[in-house]
Each structure stands twice: as C-alpha cells, then as structure tokens.
Amino acid sequence: MSKNAILTIAADGVGAVSASLGGFLTITPLRAGRWLGLADTDVKRRRVLGTADLALGITIIVGRSSRWQWRAVAIRALLHLAFAREYKRNNGRHKAVAMCALLIIDAGIAIGLRKACRFV
C-alpha cells in the first residue's frame, strides 16, 4: 500500500470521526456534551464547536483526493485547540492533553497530504 493511500485512509477516518462527533454535538448538544465531558460548556458553544467539526468532517470526506483536502485537515487540527480549551475549563485536563495529541496527529496527516499534492 502506498504512502498516499495510507494518508487518504487516515484523512477519511479523521473526516468520518469529525462528521460523526460534530453532528452528535450539533444535533443533541446536551446529551453529547455530557457524553464528551463538556457538561459545563454553554449549549451555544457546544453547537458552534459541533457545527465546525461537522462542516470540517464533511469537507474532508468530500475533498478526498483533491488538492485542498490537506487544508481542511489542518484546520481541523487547529479546532482541537478550541476543544482543549473547553476541556480545561471543564476540569478535564487529561482530555485537554488528548486534544493536543490529536492536534499533532491531524497536523501530521495534513502535512503528509500537502506533500503528496506537490508530486501529483
């Protein structure tokens, strides 16, 4: 399996998780907020985070094999900082650290996709 294929599969996974959790947080912010450990976050803020995650997830999936998919993955990586901030505010320090780890993983995928675009 080629490196580009692995990156595409990784990006698809990022997009699917993002769309799923973002949709869950957008549609049912109270239940999703409790389930995700964001119970102390304002419902409006939960919906904003969820909508951003949902939109980026869809963009990543729809942008599959396009030259701009890496940008959507990179923006989603940065969205982890917003989630980390909320987790820190909700006394979920370990979840905030996990969001920072996901930022690094998603950024790595975005960088790999960008490099792959240069050679296509």
Protein backbone atom coordinates (compact mmCIF):
# COMPACT_ATOMS: atom_id res chain seq x y z
CA MET A 1 0.00 0.00 0.00
CA SER A 2 1.39 3.40 -0.97
CA LYS A 3 2.00 6.28 1.40
CA ASN A 4 -0.64 8.34 -0.42
CA ALA A 5 -3.21 5.58 0.08
CA ILE A 6 -2.43 5.42 3.80
CA LEU A 7 -2.76 9.20 4.10
CA THR A 8 -6.08 9.12 2.25
CA ILE A 9 -7.40 6.41 4.57
CA ALA A 10 -6.21 8.38 7.60
CA ALA A 11 -7.88 11.54 6.29
CA ASP A 12 -11.09 9.59 5.64
CA GLY A 13 -11.00 8.39 9.24
CA VAL A 14 -10.44 11.92 10.52
CA GLY A 15 -13.34 13.15 8.39
CA ALA A 16 -15.69 10.38 9.50
CA VAL A 17 -14.95 10.88 13.20
CA SER A 18 -15.20 14.63 12.82
CA ALA A 19 -18.53 14.48 10.99
CA SER A 20 -19.96 11.94 13.44
CA LEU A 21 -18.96 13.65 16.67
CA GLY A 22 -19.63 17.10 15.24
CA GLY A 23 -23.10 16.04 14.13
CA PHE A 24 -23.79 14.48 17.53
CA LEU A 25 -22.71 17.67 19.29
CA THR A 26 -24.70 19.86 16.89
CA ILE A 27 -27.95 17.90 16.97
CA THR A 28 -28.00 16.86 20.64
CA PRO A 29 -25.73 19.31 22.47
CA LEU A 30 -26.96 18.37 25.95
CA ARG A 31 -26.52 14.62 25.62
CA ALA A 32 -23.36 14.88 23.52
CA GLY A 33 -21.91 17.45 25.91
CA ARG A 34 -22.34 15.10 28.85
CA TRP A 35 -21.02 12.13 26.89
CA LEU A 36 -17.98 14.06 25.64
CA GLY A 37 -17.20 15.64 29.01
CA LEU A 38 -18.34 19.14 28.10
CA ALA A 39 -21.21 19.37 30.59
CA ASP A 40 -20.06 22.77 31.89
CA THR A 41 -19.77 24.26 28.42
CA ASP A 42 -22.59 26.53 27.27
CA VAL A 43 -25.02 24.84 24.86
CA LYS A 44 -24.46 27.52 22.23
CA ARG A 45 -20.69 26.99 22.40
CA ARG A 46 -21.20 23.21 22.13
CA ARG A 47 -23.24 23.73 18.98
CA VAL A 48 -20.62 26.05 17.49
CA LEU A 49 -17.86 23.51 18.16
CA GLY A 50 -20.04 20.71 16.83
CA THR A 51 -21.03 22.60 13.70
CA ALA A 52 -17.40 23.47 12.95
CA ASP A 53 -16.37 19.83 13.46
CA LEU A 54 -19.27 18.57 11.32
CA ALA A 55 -18.50 21.00 8.49
CA LEU A 56 -14.81 20.16 8.51
CA GLY A 57 -15.55 16.43 8.58
CA ILE A 58 -17.81 16.71 5.55
CA THR A 59 -15.25 18.90 3.78
CA ILE A 60 -12.50 16.37 4.43
CA ILE A 61 -14.60 13.49 3.08
CA VAL A 62 -15.94 15.39 0.06
CA GLY A 63 -12.48 16.76 -0.68
CA ARG A 64 -10.99 13.30 -0.91
CA SER A 65 -8.18 13.20 -3.45
CA SER A 66 -8.36 16.95 -4.02
CA ARG A 67 -5.54 19.41 -3.63
CA TRP A 68 -7.30 21.29 -0.81
CA GLN A 69 -8.16 18.37 1.45
CA TRP A 70 -4.98 18.93 3.45
CA ARG A 71 -6.22 22.43 4.35
CA ALA A 72 -9.43 21.07 5.86
CA VAL A 73 -7.44 18.51 7.89
CA ALA A 74 -5.08 21.28 9.05
CA ILE A 75 -7.98 23.50 10.14
CA ARG A 76 -9.50 20.57 11.99
CA ALA A 77 -6.17 20.06 13.74
CA LEU A 78 -6.40 23.64 14.98
CA LEU A 79 -10.00 23.05 16.10
CA HIS A 80 -8.54 20.68 18.68
CA LEU A 81 -7.19 23.76 20.46
CA ALA A 82 -10.73 25.07 20.93
CA PHE A 83 -11.82 21.70 22.29
CA ALA A 84 -8.75 21.58 24.55
CA ARG A 85 -9.67 24.98 25.96
CA GLU A 86 -13.19 23.78 26.74
CA TYR A 87 -11.91 20.62 28.38
CA LYS A 88 -9.56 22.67 30.50
CA ARG A 89 -12.49 24.88 31.53
CA ASN A 90 -14.49 21.73 32.38
CA ASN A 91 -11.70 20.39 34.63
CA GLY A 92 -10.84 17.74 32.08
CA ARG A 93 -7.11 18.30 31.94
CA HIS A 94 -6.41 14.78 30.64
CA LYS A 95 -8.91 15.32 27.82
CA ALA A 96 -7.29 18.66 27.01
CA VAL A 97 -3.94 16.89 26.72
CA ALA A 98 -5.55 14.27 24.48
CA MET A 99 -6.85 17.06 22.22
CA CYS A 100 -3.31 18.41 21.91
CA ALA A 101 -2.11 14.93 20.95
CA LEU A 102 -4.84 14.74 18.31
CA LEU A 103 -3.73 18.14 17.03
CA ILE A 104 -0.28 16.70 16.41
CA ILE A 105 -1.68 13.60 14.69
CA ASP A 106 -4.03 15.58 12.44
CA ALA A 107 -1.27 18.09 11.64
CA GLY A 108 0.96 15.20 10.58
CA ILE A 109 -1.74 13.89 8.28
CA ALA A 110 -2.26 17.37 6.81
CA ILE A 111 1.47 17.81 6.21
CA GLY A 112 1.67 14.41 4.53
CA LEU A 113 -1.32 15.21 2.30
CA ARG A 114 0.19 18.57 1.35
CA LYS A 115 3.49 16.95 0.40
CA ALA A 116 1.65 14.31 -1.63
CA CYS A 117 -0.18 17.05 -3.56
CA ARG A 118 3.12 18.53 -4.68
CA PHE A 119 4.03 15.37 -6.55
CA VAL A 120 0.69 14.74 -8.26
